[in-house]
Amino acid sequence: MTRPADLVQGTLDLLILRTIATEKLHGWAIAQRIEYLSKDVLRVNQGSLYPALQRLERQGWITAEWGVSETNRRARFYRPTAAGRRRLDKERADWERLSAAISLVIRTA
């Protein structure tokens, strides 16, 4: 099996927002969910994840609250704000347009 792929620059915010869109998750669970949903192709390292979570929180796109994780440890659980949901819709539309354009070039070049 090949090693997990590095994330395409600019996709981490989209992946985080999408991952927490349906349920509150703590940081480690966000990284694990992305890896699981991508069938182990994408791996989010902690050195990228936590600065991204802090940035998204500063921008008002996510909010965090303290809770207890499945291992009985205190953890911050993240969820999108209304502004974060709007941002997710925009990011998703931009990504779909970009990936469709790249596919066109790859198929016809």
PDB file of N, CA and C in Angstrom:
ATOM      1  N   MET A   1       0.839  -1.180   0.000  1.00  0.00           N
ATOM      2  CA  MET A   1       0.000   0.000   0.000  1.00  0.00           C
ATOM      3  C   MET A   1       0.884   1.243   0.000  1.00  0.00           C
ATOM      4  N   THR A   2       0.457   2.269  -0.703  1.00  0.00           N
ATOM      5  CA  THR A   2       1.235   3.496  -0.758  1.00  0.00           C
ATOM      6  C   THR A   2       1.033   4.302   0.515  1.00  0.00           C
ATOM      7  N   ARG A   3       1.940   5.227   0.724  1.00  0.00           N
ATOM      8  CA  ARG A   3       1.832   6.056   1.926  1.00  0.00           C
ATOM      9  C   ARG A   3       0.705   7.065   1.757  1.00  0.00           C
ATOM     10  N   PRO A   4       0.144   7.556   2.864  1.00  0.00           N
ATOM     11  CA  PRO A   4      -0.926   8.553   2.775  1.00  0.00           C
ATOM     12  C   PRO A   4      -0.452   9.802   2.040  1.00  0.00           C
ATOM     13  N   ALA A   5      -1.341  10.410   1.295  1.00  0.00           N
ATOM     14  CA  ALA A   5      -1.003  11.590   0.504  1.00  0.00           C
ATOM     15  C   ALA A   5      -0.991  12.841   1.368  1.00  0.00           C
ATOM     16  N   ASP A   6      -0.103  13.758   0.997  1.00  0.00           N
ATOM     17  CA  ASP A   6      -0.142  15.065   1.622  1.00  0.00           C
ATOM     18  C   ASP A   6      -1.378  15.784   1.094  1.00  0.00           C
ATOM     19  N   LEU A   7      -1.947  16.625   1.918  1.00  0.00           N
ATOM     20  CA  LEU A   7      -3.139  17.351   1.503  1.00  0.00           C
ATOM     21  C   LEU A   7      -2.786  18.396   0.460  1.00  0.00           C
ATOM     22  N   VAL A   8      -3.656  18.568  -0.506  1.00  0.00           N
ATOM     23  CA  VAL A   8      -3.494  19.628  -1.483  1.00  0.00           C
ATOM     24  C   VAL A   8      -3.630  20.950  -0.741  1.00  0.00           C
ATOM     25  N   GLN A   9      -2.722  21.879  -1.032  1.00  0.00           N
ATOM     26  CA  GLN A   9      -2.748  23.154  -0.332  1.00  0.00           C
ATOM     27  C   GLN A   9      -4.127  23.801  -0.457  1.00  0.00           C
ATOM     28  N   GLY A  10      -4.643  24.289   0.645  1.00  0.00           N
ATOM     29  CA  GLY A  10      -5.924  24.966   0.646  1.00  0.00           C
ATOM     30  C   GLY A  10      -7.127  24.070   0.880  1.00  0.00           C
ATOM     31  N   THR A  11      -6.919  22.762   1.030  1.00  0.00           N
ATOM     32  CA  THR A  11      -8.069  21.869   1.208  1.00  0.00           C
ATOM     33  C   THR A  11      -8.361  21.547   2.670  1.00  0.00           C
ATOM     34  N   LEU A  12      -7.452  21.846   3.562  1.00  0.00           N
ATOM     35  CA  LEU A  12      -7.637  21.449   4.956  1.00  0.00           C
ATOM     36  C   LEU A  12      -8.874  22.101   5.578  1.00  0.00           C
ATOM     37  N   ASP A  13      -9.077  23.392   5.327  1.00  0.00           N
ATOM     38  CA  ASP A  13     -10.257  24.059   5.883  1.00  0.00           C
ATOM     39  C   ASP A  13     -11.535  23.375   5.406  1.00  0.00           C
ATOM     40  N   LEU A  14     -11.603  23.079   4.123  1.00  0.00           N
ATOM     41  CA  LEU A  14     -12.771  22.399   3.556  1.00  0.00           C
ATOM     42  C   LEU A  14     -12.989  21.048   4.231  1.00  0.00           C
ATOM     43  N   LEU A  15     -11.926  20.274   4.388  1.00  0.00           N
ATOM     44  CA  LEU A  15     -12.045  18.950   5.000  1.00  0.00           C
ATOM     45  C   LEU A  15     -12.493  19.034   6.457  1.00  0.00           C
ATOM     46  N   ILE A  16     -11.950  19.987   7.185  1.00  0.00           N
ATOM     47  CA  ILE A  16     -12.346  20.147   8.588  1.00  0.00           C
ATOM     48  C   ILE A  16     -13.812  20.553   8.678  1.00  0.00           C
ATOM     49  N   LEU A  17     -14.195  21.572   7.923  1.00  0.00           N
ATOM     50  CA  LEU A  17     -15.581  22.043   7.978  1.00  0.00           C
ATOM     51  C   LEU A  17     -16.559  20.941   7.599  1.00  0.00           C
ATOM     52  N   ARG A  18     -16.223  20.157   6.579  1.00  0.00           N
ATOM     53  CA  ARG A  18     -17.116  19.075   6.159  1.00  0.00           C
ATOM     54  C   ARG A  18     -17.184  17.982   7.224  1.00  0.00           C
ATOM     55  N   THR A  19     -16.052  17.675   7.831  1.00  0.00           N
ATOM     56  CA  THR A  19     -15.989  16.597   8.815  1.00  0.00           C
ATOM     57  C   THR A  19     -16.810  16.910  10.061  1.00  0.00           C
ATOM     58  N   ILE A  20     -16.842  18.168  10.468  1.00  0.00           N
ATOM     59  CA  ILE A  20     -17.594  18.525  11.675  1.00  0.00           C
ATOM     60  C   ILE A  20     -19.000  19.035  11.358  1.00  0.00           C
ATOM     61  N   ALA A  21     -19.402  18.978  10.106  1.00  0.00           N
ATOM     62  CA  ALA A  21     -20.721  19.501   9.718  1.00  0.00           C
ATOM     63  C   ALA A  21     -21.867  18.698  10.325  1.00  0.00           C
ATOM     64  N   THR A  22     -21.655  17.415  10.586  1.00  0.00           N
ATOM     65  CA  THR A  22     -22.750  16.579  11.070  1.00  0.00           C
ATOM     66  C   THR A  22     -22.671  16.248  12.557  1.00  0.00           C
ATOM     67  N   GLU A  23     -21.486  16.401  13.156  1.00  0.00           N
ATOM     68  CA  GLU A  23     -21.374  16.162  14.600  1.00  0.00           C
ATOM     69  C   GLU A  23     -20.143  16.848  15.158  1.00  0.00           C
ATOM     70  N   LYS A  24     -20.230  17.221  16.442  1.00  0.00           N
ATOM     71  CA  LYS A  24     -19.094  17.835  17.119  1.00  0.00           C
ATOM     72  C   LYS A  24     -18.003  16.779  17.283  1.00  0.00           C
ATOM     73  N   LEU A  25     -16.768  17.161  16.978  1.00  0.00           N
ATOM     74  CA  LEU A  25     -15.636  16.247  17.131  1.00  0.00           C
ATOM     75  C   LEU A  25     -14.459  16.991  17.737  1.00  0.00           C
ATOM     76  N   HIS A  26     -13.609  16.258  18.444  1.00  0.00           N
ATOM     77  CA  HIS A  26     -12.366  16.843  18.942  1.00  0.00           C
ATOM     78  C   HIS A  26     -11.282  16.649  17.883  1.00  0.00           C
ATOM     79  N   GLY A  27     -10.161  17.328  18.062  1.00  0.00           N
ATOM     80  CA  GLY A  27      -9.118  17.357  17.040  1.00  0.00           C
ATOM     81  C   GLY A  27      -8.666  16.000  16.550  1.00  0.00           C
ATOM     82  N   TRP A  28      -8.301  15.118  17.466  1.00  0.00           N
ATOM     83  CA  TRP A  28      -7.809  13.798  17.058  1.00  0.00           C
ATOM     84  C   TRP A  28      -8.878  13.051  16.270  1.00  0.00           C
ATOM     85  N   ALA A  29     -10.138  13.174  16.687  1.00  0.00           N
ATOM     86  CA  ALA A  29     -11.232  12.491  15.988  1.00  0.00           C
ATOM     87  C   ALA A  29     -11.442  13.066  14.589  1.00  0.00           C
ATOM     88  N   ILE A  30     -11.214  14.372  14.423  1.00  0.00           N
ATOM     89  CA  ILE A  30     -11.319  14.980  13.094  1.00  0.00           C
ATOM     90  C   ILE A  30     -10.288  14.352  12.168  1.00  0.00           C
ATOM     91  N   ALA A  31      -9.043  14.275  12.638  1.00  0.00           N
ATOM     92  CA  ALA A  31      -7.976  13.681  11.826  1.00  0.00           C
ATOM     93  C   ALA A  31      -8.284  12.225  11.493  1.00  0.00           C
ATOM     94  N   GLN A  32      -8.761  11.474  12.468  1.00  0.00           N
ATOM     95  CA  GLN A  32      -9.087  10.064  12.240  1.00  0.00           C
ATOM     96  C   GLN A  32     -10.239   9.904  11.256  1.00  0.00           C
ATOM     97  N   ARG A  33     -11.245  10.755  11.362  1.00  0.00           N
ATOM     98  CA  ARG A  33     -12.403  10.673  10.461  1.00  0.00           C
ATOM     99  C   ARG A  33     -11.985  10.959   9.018  1.00  0.00           C
ATOM    100  N   ILE A  34     -11.135  11.967   8.816  1.00  0.00           N
ATOM    101  CA  ILE A  34     -10.663  12.287   7.465  1.00  0.00           C
ATOM    102  C   ILE A  34      -9.893  11.107   6.893  1.00  0.00           C
ATOM    103  N   GLU A  35      -9.032  10.517   7.701  1.00  0.00           N
ATOM    104  CA  GLU A  35      -8.264   9.357   7.248  1.00  0.00           C
ATOM    105  C   GLU A  35      -9.200   8.192   6.902  1.00  0.00           C
ATOM    106  N   TYR A  36     -10.173   7.935   7.751  1.00  0.00           N
ATOM    107  CA  TYR A  36     -11.115   6.832   7.529  1.00  0.00           C
ATOM    108  C   TYR A  36     -11.956   7.060   6.273  1.00  0.00           C
ATOM    109  N   LEU A  37     -12.542   8.246   6.152  1.00  0.00           N
ATOM    110  CA  LEU A  37     -13.412   8.531   5.011  1.00  0.00           C
ATOM    111  C   LEU A  37     -12.657   8.524   3.689  1.00  0.00           C
ATOM    112  N   SER A  38     -11.361   8.863   3.735  1.00  0.00           N
ATOM    113  CA  SER A  38     -10.553   8.855   2.509  1.00  0.00           C
ATOM    114  C   SER A  38      -9.927   7.487   2.253  1.00  0.00           C
ATOM    115  N   LYS A  39     -10.335   6.494   3.018  1.00  0.00           N
ATOM    116  CA  LYS A  39      -9.795   5.130   2.902  1.00  0.00           C
ATOM    117  C   LYS A  39      -8.267   5.131   3.044  1.00  0.00           C
ATOM    118  N   ASP A  40      -7.808   5.876   4.052  1.00  0.00           N
ATOM    119  CA  ASP A  40      -6.391   5.971   4.410  1.00  0.00           C
ATOM    120  C   ASP A  40      -5.521   6.652   3.358  1.00  0.00           C
ATOM    121  N   VAL A  41      -6.125   7.403   2.443  1.00  0.00           N
ATOM    122  CA  VAL A  41      -5.337   8.127   1.446  1.00  0.00           C
ATOM    123  C   VAL A  41      -4.857   9.463   2.015  1.00  0.00           C
ATOM    124  N   LEU A  42      -5.709  10.136   2.768  1.00  0.00           N
ATOM    125  CA  LEU A  42      -5.357  11.439   3.335  1.00  0.00           C
ATOM    126  C   LEU A  42      -5.012  11.297   4.807  1.00  0.00           C
ATOM    127  N   ARG A  43      -3.958  11.962   5.205  1.00  0.00           N
ATOM    128  CA  ARG A  43      -3.572  11.980   6.615  1.00  0.00           C
ATOM    129  C   ARG A  43      -3.319  13.430   7.021  1.00  0.00           C
ATOM    130  N   VAL A  44      -3.965  13.845   8.085  1.00  0.00           N
ATOM    131  CA  VAL A  44      -3.796  15.203   8.603  1.00  0.00           C
ATOM    132  C   VAL A  44      -2.879  15.123   9.809  1.00  0.00           C
ATOM    133  N   ASN A  45      -1.706  15.763   9.716  1.00  0.00           N
ATOM    134  CA  ASN A  45      -0.815  15.707  10.872  1.00  0.00           C
ATOM    135  C   ASN A  45      -1.212  16.778  11.884  1.00  0.00           C
ATOM    136  N   GLN A  46      -0.921  16.510  13.127  1.00  0.00           N
ATOM    137  CA  GLN A  46      -1.322  17.383  14.228  1.00  0.00           C
ATOM    138  C   GLN A  46      -0.720  18.777  14.092  1.00  0.00           C
ATOM    139  N   GLY A  47       0.470  18.862  13.490  1.00  0.00           N
ATOM    140  CA  GLY A  47       1.127  20.153  13.304  1.00  0.00           C
ATOM    141  C   GLY A  47       0.406  21.055  12.319  1.00  0.00           C
ATOM    142  N   SER A  48      -0.448  20.489  11.490  1.00  0.00           N
ATOM    143  CA  SER A  48      -1.279  21.274  10.571  1.00  0.00           C
ATOM    144  C   SER A  48      -2.688  21.449  11.118  1.00  0.00           C
ATOM    145  N   LEU A  49      -3.198  20.413  11.765  1.00  0.00           N
ATOM    146  CA  LEU A  49      -4.588  20.413  12.208  1.00  0.00           C
ATOM    147  C   LEU A  49      -4.875  21.480  13.257  1.00  0.00           C
ATOM    148  N   TYR A  50      -4.103  21.517  14.326  1.00  0.00           N
ATOM    149  CA  TYR A  50      -4.435  22.430  15.422  1.00  0.00           C
ATOM    150  C   TYR A  50      -4.274  23.902  15.051  1.00  0.00           C
ATOM    151  N   PRO A  51      -3.240  24.287  14.288  1.00  0.00           N
ATOM    152  CA  PRO A  51      -3.214  25.682  13.816  1.00  0.00           C
ATOM    153  C   PRO A  51      -4.409  26.011  12.915  1.00  0.00           C
ATOM    154  N   ALA A  52      -4.842  25.049  12.101  1.00  0.00           N
ATOM    155  CA  ALA A  52      -6.013  25.279  11.244  1.00  0.00           C
ATOM    156  C   ALA A  52      -7.268  25.461  12.091  1.00  0.00           C
ATOM    157  N   LEU A  53      -7.435  24.641  13.127  1.00  0.00           N
ATOM    158  CA  LEU A  53      -8.597  24.785  14.010  1.00  0.00           C
ATOM    159  C   LEU A  53      -8.592  26.150  14.699  1.00  0.00           C
ATOM    160  N   GLN A  54      -7.426  26.591  15.145  1.00  0.00           N
ATOM    161  CA  GLN A  54      -7.330  27.904  15.790  1.00  0.00           C
ATOM    162  C   GLN A  54      -7.662  29.017  14.805  1.00  0.00           C
ATOM    163  N   ARG A  55      -7.158  28.896  13.576  1.00  0.00           N
ATOM    164  CA  ARG A  55      -7.427  29.896  12.546  1.00  0.00           C
ATOM    165  C   ARG A  55      -8.927  29.952  12.224  1.00  0.00           C
ATOM    166  N   LEU A  56      -9.550  28.780  12.049  1.00  0.00           N
ATOM    167  CA  LEU A  56     -10.980  28.730  11.741  1.00  0.00           C
ATOM    168  C   LEU A  56     -11.814  29.322  12.876  1.00  0.00           C
ATOM    169  N   GLU A  57     -11.370  29.093  14.101  1.00  0.00           N
ATOM    170  CA  GLU A  57     -12.087  29.655  15.250  1.00  0.00           C
ATOM    171  C   GLU A  57     -11.940  31.175  15.281  1.00  0.00           C
ATOM    172  N   ARG A  58     -10.738  31.681  15.027  1.00  0.00           N
ATOM    173  CA  ARG A  58     -10.518  33.136  14.985  1.00  0.00           C
ATOM    174  C   ARG A  58     -11.365  33.791  13.895  1.00  0.00           C
ATOM    175  N   GLN A  59     -11.526  33.097  12.775  1.00  0.00           N
ATOM    176  CA  GLN A  59     -12.307  33.645  11.661  1.00  0.00           C
ATOM    177  C   GLN A  59     -13.813  33.547  11.902  1.00  0.00           C
ATOM    178  N   GLY A  60     -14.194  32.873  12.970  1.00  0.00           N
ATOM    179  CA  GLY A  60     -15.606  32.755  13.297  1.00  0.00           C
ATOM    180  C   GLY A  60     -16.331  31.661  12.531  1.00  0.00           C
ATOM    181  N   TRP A  61     -15.591  30.741  11.928  1.00  0.00           N
ATOM    182  CA  TRP A  61     -16.201  29.678  11.125  1.00  0.00           C
ATOM    183  C   TRP A  61     -16.486  28.423  11.938  1.00  0.00           C
ATOM    184  N   ILE A  62     -15.807  28.284  13.079  1.00  0.00           N
ATOM    185  CA  ILE A  62     -16.088  27.165  13.982  1.00  0.00           C
ATOM    186  C   ILE A  62     -16.133  27.693  15.408  1.00  0.00           C
ATOM    187  N   THR A  63     -16.739  26.918  16.260  1.00  0.00           N
ATOM    188  CA  THR A  63     -16.751  27.229  17.684  1.00  0.00           C
ATOM    189  C   THR A  63     -16.345  25.956  18.418  1.00  0.00           C
ATOM    190  N   ALA A  64     -15.810  26.138  19.611  1.00  0.00           N
ATOM    191  CA  ALA A  64     -15.334  24.980  20.375  1.00  0.00           C
ATOM    192  C   ALA A  64     -15.884  25.038  21.791  1.00  0.00           C
ATOM    193  N   GLU A  65     -16.095  23.868  22.344  1.00  0.00           N
ATOM    194  CA  GLU A  65     -16.493  23.780  23.750  1.00  0.00           C
ATOM    195  C   GLU A  65     -15.781  22.580  24.366  1.00  0.00           C
ATOM    196  N   TRP A  66     -15.508  22.684  25.644  1.00  0.00           N
ATOM    197  CA  TRP A  66     -14.834  21.601  26.346  1.00  0.00           C
ATOM    198  C   TRP A  66     -15.809  20.468  26.614  1.00  0.00           C
ATOM    199  N   GLY A  67     -15.299  19.266  26.493  1.00  0.00           N
ATOM    200  CA  GLY A  67     -16.085  18.080  26.783  1.00  0.00           C
ATOM    201  C   GLY A  67     -15.152  16.940  27.144  1.00  0.00           C
ATOM    202  N   VAL A  68     -15.692  15.749  27.239  1.00  0.00           N
ATOM    203  CA  VAL A  68     -14.909  14.565  27.588  1.00  0.00           C
ATOM    204  C   VAL A  68     -14.903  13.634  26.385  1.00  0.00           C
ATOM    205  N   SER A  69     -13.712  13.211  25.992  1.00  0.00           N
ATOM    206  CA  SER A  69     -13.567  12.337  24.827  1.00  0.00           C
ATOM    207  C   SER A  69     -13.945  10.900  25.173  1.00  0.00           C
ATOM    208  N   GLU A  70     -13.929  10.053  24.159  1.00  0.00           N
ATOM    209  CA  GLU A  70     -14.256   8.639  24.353  1.00  0.00           C
ATOM    210  C   GLU A  70     -13.246   7.925  25.252  1.00  0.00           C
ATOM    211  N   THR A  71     -12.076   8.552  25.464  1.00  0.00           N
ATOM    212  CA  THR A  71     -11.078   7.976  26.366  1.00  0.00           C
ATOM    213  C   THR A  71     -11.105   8.660  27.742  1.00  0.00           C
ATOM    214  N   ASN A  72     -12.194   9.375  28.020  1.00  0.00           N
ATOM    215  CA  ASN A  72     -12.389  10.083  29.288  1.00  0.00           C
ATOM    216  C   ASN A  72     -11.368  11.183  29.549  1.00  0.00           C
ATOM    217  N   ARG A  73     -10.888  11.805  28.486  1.00  0.00           N
ATOM    218  CA  ARG A  73      -9.976  12.941  28.625  1.00  0.00           C
ATOM    219  C   ARG A  73     -10.708  14.214  28.229  1.00  0.00           C
ATOM    220  N   ARG A  74     -10.296  15.296  28.862  1.00  0.00           N
ATOM    221  CA  ARG A  74     -10.851  16.591  28.479  1.00  0.00           C
ATOM    222  C   ARG A  74     -10.368  16.951  27.088  1.00  0.00           C
ATOM    223  N   ALA A  75     -11.281  17.411  26.256  1.00  0.00           N
ATOM    224  CA  ALA A  75     -10.922  17.777  24.890  1.00  0.00           C
ATOM    225  C   ALA A  75     -11.848  18.889  24.418  1.00  0.00           C
ATOM    226  N   ARG A  76     -11.371  19.649  23.451  1.00  0.00           N
ATOM    227  CA  ARG A  76     -12.210  20.677  22.829  1.00  0.00           C
ATOM    228  C   ARG A  76     -12.938  20.043  21.657  1.00  0.00           C
ATOM    229  N   PHE A  77     -14.237  20.200  21.639  1.00  0.00           N
ATOM    230  CA  PHE A  77     -15.073  19.673  20.565  1.00  0.00           C
ATOM    231  C   PHE A  77     -15.482  20.830  19.660  1.00  0.00           C
ATOM    232  N   TYR A  78     -15.327  20.626  18.361  1.00  0.00           N
ATOM    233  CA  TYR A  78     -15.545  21.686  17.383  1.00  0.00           C
ATOM    234  C   TYR A  78     -16.803  21.436  16.571  1.00  0.00           C
ATOM    235  N   ARG A  79     -17.464  22.546  16.205  1.00  0.00           N
ATOM    236  CA  ARG A  79     -18.611  22.476  15.305  1.00  0.00           C
ATOM    237  C   ARG A  79     -18.629  23.767  14.490  1.00  0.00           C
ATOM    238  N   PRO A  80     -19.214  23.739  13.305  1.00  0.00           N
ATOM    239  CA  PRO A  80     -19.245  24.955  12.489  1.00  0.00           C
ATOM    240  C   PRO A  80     -20.296  25.942  12.999  1.00  0.00           C
ATOM    241  N   THR A  81     -20.017  27.207  12.806  1.00  0.00           N
ATOM    242  CA  THR A  81     -20.997  28.256  13.074  1.00  0.00           C
ATOM    243  C   THR A  81     -21.845  28.422  11.810  1.00  0.00           C
ATOM    244  N   ALA A  82     -22.833  29.304  11.859  1.00  0.00           N
ATOM    245  CA  ALA A  82     -23.632  29.592  10.658  1.00  0.00           C
ATOM    246  C   ALA A  82     -22.720  30.127   9.554  1.00  0.00           C
ATOM    247  N   ALA A  83     -21.780  30.996   9.921  1.00  0.00           N
ATOM    248  CA  ALA A  83     -20.824  31.518   8.935  1.00  0.00           C
ATOM    249  C   ALA A  83     -19.948  30.390   8.399  1.00  0.00           C
ATOM    250  N   GLY A  84     -19.598  29.446   9.249  1.00  0.00           N
ATOM    251  CA  GLY A  84     -18.796  28.302   8.824  1.00  0.00           C
ATOM    252  C   GLY A  84     -19.545  27.407   7.853  1.00  0.00           C
ATOM    253  N   ARG A  85     -20.831  27.257   8.055  1.00  0.00           N
ATOM    254  CA  ARG A  85     -21.645  26.456   7.120  1.00  0.00           C
ATOM    255  C   ARG A  85     -21.727  27.139   5.756  1.00  0.00           C
ATOM    256  N   ARG A  86     -21.855  28.468   5.765  1.00  0.00           N
ATOM    257  CA  ARG A  86     -21.848  29.203   4.492  1.00  0.00           C
ATOM    258  C   ARG A  86     -20.495  29.060   3.807  1.00  0.00           C
ATOM    259  N   ARG A  87     -19.428  29.137   4.597  1.00  0.00           N
ATOM    260  CA  ARG A  87     -18.076  28.987   4.045  1.00  0.00           C
ATOM    261  C   ARG A  87     -17.894  27.586   3.468  1.00  0.00           C
ATOM    262  N   LEU A  88     -18.413  26.574   4.150  1.00  0.00           N
ATOM    263  CA  LEU A  88     -18.341  25.202   3.651  1.00  0.00           C
ATOM    264  C   LEU A  88     -19.031  25.098   2.298  1.00  0.00           C
ATOM    265  N   ASP A  89     -20.206  25.677   2.162  1.00  0.00           N
ATOM    266  CA  ASP A  89     -20.919  25.636   0.879  1.00  0.00           C
ATOM    267  C   ASP A  89     -20.088  26.272  -0.228  1.00  0.00           C
ATOM    268  N   LYS A  90     -19.472  27.418   0.063  1.00  0.00           N
ATOM    269  CA  LYS A  90     -18.635  28.103  -0.927  1.00  0.00           C
ATOM    270  C   LYS A  90     -17.401  27.275  -1.263  1.00  0.00           C
ATOM    271  N   GLU A  91     -16.711  26.779  -0.240  1.00  0.00           N
ATOM    272  CA  GLU A  91     -15.500  25.978  -0.457  1.00  0.00           C
ATOM    273  C   GLU A  91     -15.816  24.719  -1.265  1.00  0.00           C
ATOM    274  N   ARG A  92     -16.932  24.083  -0.960  1.00  0.00           N
ATOM    275  CA  ARG A  92     -17.322  22.865  -1.669  1.00  0.00           C
ATOM    276  C   ARG A  92     -17.590  23.173  -3.145  1.00  0.00           C
ATOM    277  N   ALA A  93     -18.323  24.245  -3.418  1.00  0.00           N
ATOM    278  CA  ALA A  93     -18.611  24.632  -4.802  1.00  0.00           C
ATOM    279  C   ALA A  93     -17.322  24.965  -5.550  1.00  0.00           C
ATOM    280  N   ASP A  94     -16.418  25.707  -4.894  1.00  0.00           N
ATOM    281  CA  ASP A  94     -15.132  26.041  -5.519  1.00  0.00           C
ATOM    282  C   ASP A  94     -14.335  24.778  -5.821  1.00  0.00           C
ATOM    283  N   TRP A  95     -14.298  23.842  -4.866  1.00  0.00           N
ATOM    284  CA  TRP A  95     -13.552  22.598  -5.056  1.00  0.00           C
ATOM    285  C   TRP A  95     -14.134  21.775  -6.201  1.00  0.00           C
ATOM    286  N   GLU A  96     -15.447  21.666  -6.253  1.00  0.00           N
ATOM    287  CA  GLU A  96     -16.081  20.879  -7.316  1.00  0.00           C
ATOM    288  C   GLU A  96     -15.794  21.486  -8.683  1.00  0.00           C
ATOM    289  N   ARG A  97     -15.828  22.824  -8.776  1.00  0.00           N
ATOM    290  CA  ARG A  97     -15.514  23.490 -10.038  1.00  0.00           C
ATOM    291  C   ARG A  97     -14.051  23.251 -10.428  1.00  0.00           C
ATOM    292  N   LEU A  98     -13.138  23.386  -9.472  1.00  0.00           N
ATOM    293  CA  LEU A  98     -11.719  23.188  -9.735  1.00  0.00           C
ATOM    294  C   LEU A  98     -11.410  21.747 -10.124  1.00  0.00           C
ATOM    295  N   SER A  99     -11.951  20.786  -9.377  1.00  0.00           N
ATOM    296  CA  SER A  99     -11.651  19.382  -9.684  1.00  0.00           C
ATOM    297  C   SER A  99     -12.248  18.975 -11.027  1.00  0.00           C
ATOM    298  N   ALA A 100     -13.406  19.523 -11.397  1.00  0.00           N
ATOM    299  CA  ALA A 100     -13.988  19.232 -12.713  1.00  0.00           C
ATOM    300  C   ALA A 100     -13.100  19.797 -13.817  1.00  0.00           C
ATOM    301  N   ALA A 101     -12.567  20.999 -13.615  1.00  0.00           N
ATOM    302  CA  ALA A 101     -11.687  21.605 -14.612  1.00  0.00           C
ATOM    303  C   ALA A 101     -10.397  20.806 -14.761  1.00  0.00           C
ATOM    304  N   ILE A 102      -9.830  20.363 -13.657  1.00  0.00           N
ATOM    305  CA  ILE A 102      -8.610  19.551 -13.717  1.00  0.00           C
ATOM    306  C   ILE A 102      -8.887  18.242 -14.442  1.00  0.00           C
ATOM    307  N   SER A 103     -10.013  17.623 -14.158  1.00  0.00           N
ATOM    308  CA  SER A 103     -10.378  16.373 -14.839  1.00  0.00           C
ATOM    309  C   SER A 103     -10.490  16.582 -16.340  1.00  0.00           C
ATOM    310  N   LEU A 104     -11.059  17.701 -16.759  1.00  0.00           N
ATOM    311  CA  LEU A 104     -11.162  17.995 -18.190  1.00  0.00           C
ATOM    312  C   LEU A 104      -9.786  18.065 -18.837  1.00  0.00           C
ATOM    313  N   VAL A 105      -8.868  18.749 -18.181  1.00  0.00           N
ATOM    314  CA  VAL A 105      -7.516  18.885 -18.729  1.00  0.00           C
ATOM    315  C   VAL A 105      -6.822  17.532 -18.782  1.00  0.00           C
ATOM    316  N   ILE A 106      -6.943  16.746 -17.729  1.00  0.00           N
ATOM    317  CA  ILE A 106      -6.279  15.438 -17.684  1.00  0.00           C
ATOM    318  C   ILE A 106      -6.820  14.517 -18.766  1.00  0.00           C
ATOM    319  N   ARG A 107      -8.117  14.530 -18.984  1.00  0.00           N
ATOM    320  CA  ARG A 107      -8.717  13.636 -19.976  1.00  0.00           C
ATOM    321  C   ARG A 107      -8.436  14.055 -21.408  1.00  0.00           C
ATOM    322  N   THR A 108      -8.235  15.350 -21.646  1.00  0.00           N
ATOM    323  CA  THR A 108      -8.074  15.816 -23.024  1.00  0.00           C
ATOM    324  C   THR A 108      -6.643  16.169 -23.388  1.00  0.00           C
ATOM    325  N   ALA A 109      -5.762  16.264 -22.432  1.00  0.00           N
ATOM    326  CA  ALA A 109      -4.376  16.662 -22.730  1.00  0.00           C
ATOM    327  C   ALA A 109      -3.600  15.531 -23.361  1.00  0.00           C
TER     328      ALA A 109
END
